[in-house]
Amino acid sequence: MTFAEVVAAIGGKMVVLTETADRKVRHVVGSDLMSDVLLVDEDDMMLLTSLASDQVLRTAQIVGATGVVIVNDKPVPDSMADVARELGLSLATSNLSKYEGCVAVYKALNGITT
């Protein structure tokens, strides 16, 4: 599935849509600690976090994430959307908790419909 398809499958809303939305997602990382995200060595990964900060996007770019989903229905600051556009990263929001979001992404990626 692509990042855009995963966002749609979990009922998320795209805030910034870039070409990364068409990249494949095979892994999800759910974390608010960007130091933990920096330790992840997976290709085709997306990031779920409740941290609505520009630093999240900079970290996502460093690890090569396909996109970022801000969970818990947190508002996305305008500066964050601007940084996403500047870095060419897709950014979305979801009203799910981080745990529920990770479970929903897992189900979407594995074709589980229950």
Protein backbone atom coordinates (compact mmCIF):
# COMPACT_ATOMS: atom_id res chain seq x y z
CA MET A 1 0.00 0.00 0.00
CA THR A 2 1.07 3.57 -0.55
CA PHE A 3 1.21 6.18 2.20
CA ALA A 4 -1.94 7.84 0.80
CA GLU A 5 -3.78 4.49 0.78
CA VAL A 6 -2.75 3.77 4.36
CA VAL A 7 -3.93 7.22 5.49
CA ALA A 8 -7.29 6.62 3.78
CA ALA A 9 -7.56 3.12 5.30
CA ILE A 10 -7.14 4.46 8.84
CA GLY A 11 -9.58 7.32 8.25
CA GLY A 12 -6.89 10.00 8.30
CA LYS A 13 -6.85 13.37 6.57
CA MET A 14 -4.03 14.57 4.36
CA VAL A 15 -2.66 17.98 5.38
CA VAL A 16 0.25 18.14 2.93
CA LEU A 17 0.23 15.90 -0.13
CA THR A 18 3.55 15.39 -1.91
CA GLU A 19 4.99 12.75 -4.22
CA THR A 20 5.97 10.71 -1.14
CA ALA A 21 2.27 9.87 -0.75
CA ASP A 22 2.71 7.45 -3.65
CA ARG A 23 5.61 5.59 -2.02
CA LYS A 24 5.04 2.10 -0.63
CA VAL A 25 4.71 1.54 3.11
CA ARG A 26 5.82 -1.76 4.64
CA HIS A 27 6.57 -0.69 8.21
CA VAL A 28 5.11 1.70 10.76
CA VAL A 29 6.95 3.34 13.63
CA GLY A 30 4.85 4.79 16.44
CA SER A 31 6.88 7.05 18.71
CA ASP A 32 7.03 10.48 20.31
CA LEU A 33 10.75 10.11 21.02
CA MET A 34 12.60 11.19 17.91
CA SER A 35 15.81 9.69 19.33
CA ASP A 36 14.09 6.28 19.15
CA VAL A 37 12.95 6.93 15.58
CA LEU A 38 16.55 7.67 14.59
CA LEU A 39 17.49 4.13 15.63
CA VAL A 40 15.02 2.49 13.22
CA ASP A 41 16.67 0.90 10.21
CA GLU A 42 13.74 -0.02 7.97
CA ASP A 43 12.98 0.94 4.40
CA ASP A 44 9.48 1.97 3.32
CA MET A 45 8.40 3.11 6.77
CA MET A 46 5.92 5.70 7.95
CA LEU A 47 5.87 7.53 11.26
CA LEU A 48 2.91 7.86 13.63
CA THR A 49 3.35 10.32 16.47
CA SER A 50 1.38 12.63 18.72
CA LEU A 51 4.22 15.15 18.63
CA ALA A 52 3.13 18.04 16.39
CA SER A 53 6.54 19.64 15.92
CA ASP A 54 8.72 20.65 12.99
CA GLN A 55 11.45 18.40 14.40
CA VAL A 56 9.29 15.34 13.66
CA LEU A 57 9.49 16.11 9.94
CA ARG A 58 13.22 16.71 10.04
CA THR A 59 13.66 13.35 11.78
CA ALA A 60 11.34 11.66 9.25
CA GLN A 61 13.46 13.02 6.42
CA ILE A 62 16.68 11.73 8.02
CA VAL A 63 15.31 8.17 8.35
CA GLY A 64 13.70 8.24 4.89
CA ALA A 65 10.10 7.92 6.07
CA THR A 66 7.38 7.93 3.42
CA GLY A 67 5.28 10.31 5.51
CA VAL A 68 4.09 11.34 8.95
CA VAL A 69 0.69 10.94 10.63
CA ILE A 70 -0.06 13.11 13.66
CA VAL A 71 -2.45 11.13 15.89
CA ASN A 72 -4.83 12.02 18.74
CA ASP A 73 -6.52 14.61 16.51
CA LYS A 74 -3.85 17.15 17.40
CA PRO A 75 -3.87 20.34 15.35
CA VAL A 76 -0.98 20.74 12.93
CA PRO A 77 0.75 24.12 13.27
CA ASP A 78 1.10 26.12 10.06
CA SER A 79 4.87 26.05 10.51
CA MET A 80 4.80 22.25 10.47
CA ALA A 81 2.83 22.17 7.22
CA ASP A 82 5.31 24.66 5.75
CA VAL A 83 8.27 22.47 6.75
CA ALA A 84 6.54 19.40 5.26
CA ARG A 85 6.18 21.23 1.94
CA GLU A 86 9.78 22.46 2.13
CA LEU A 87 11.09 18.93 2.76
CA GLY A 88 8.71 17.30 0.27
CA LEU A 89 7.15 15.04 2.92
CA SER A 90 3.49 14.06 3.07
CA LEU A 91 1.76 14.92 6.33
CA ALA A 92 -1.57 13.65 7.63
CA THR A 93 -3.66 13.67 10.80
CA SER A 94 -5.80 11.05 12.48
CA ASN A 95 -8.23 11.06 15.39
CA LEU A 96 -6.96 7.62 16.47
CA SER A 97 -4.60 7.18 19.41
CA LYS A 98 -1.04 6.16 18.61
CA TYR A 99 -1.78 2.57 19.64
CA GLU A 100 -5.04 2.42 17.63
CA GLY A 101 -3.26 4.00 14.67
CA CYS A 102 -0.47 1.42 14.72
CA VAL A 103 -3.01 -1.41 14.93
CA ALA A 104 -5.05 0.10 12.07
CA VAL A 105 -1.94 0.46 9.88
CA TYR A 106 -0.90 -3.13 10.66
CA LYS A 107 -4.36 -4.37 9.67
CA ALA A 108 -4.37 -2.29 6.49
CA LEU A 109 -0.91 -3.48 5.45
CA ASN A 110 -1.80 -7.12 6.12
CA GLY A 111 -5.31 -7.13 4.62
CA ILE A 112 -7.03 -7.82 7.95
CA THR A 113 -10.63 -6.59 7.90
CA THR A 114 -11.86 -7.46 11.39
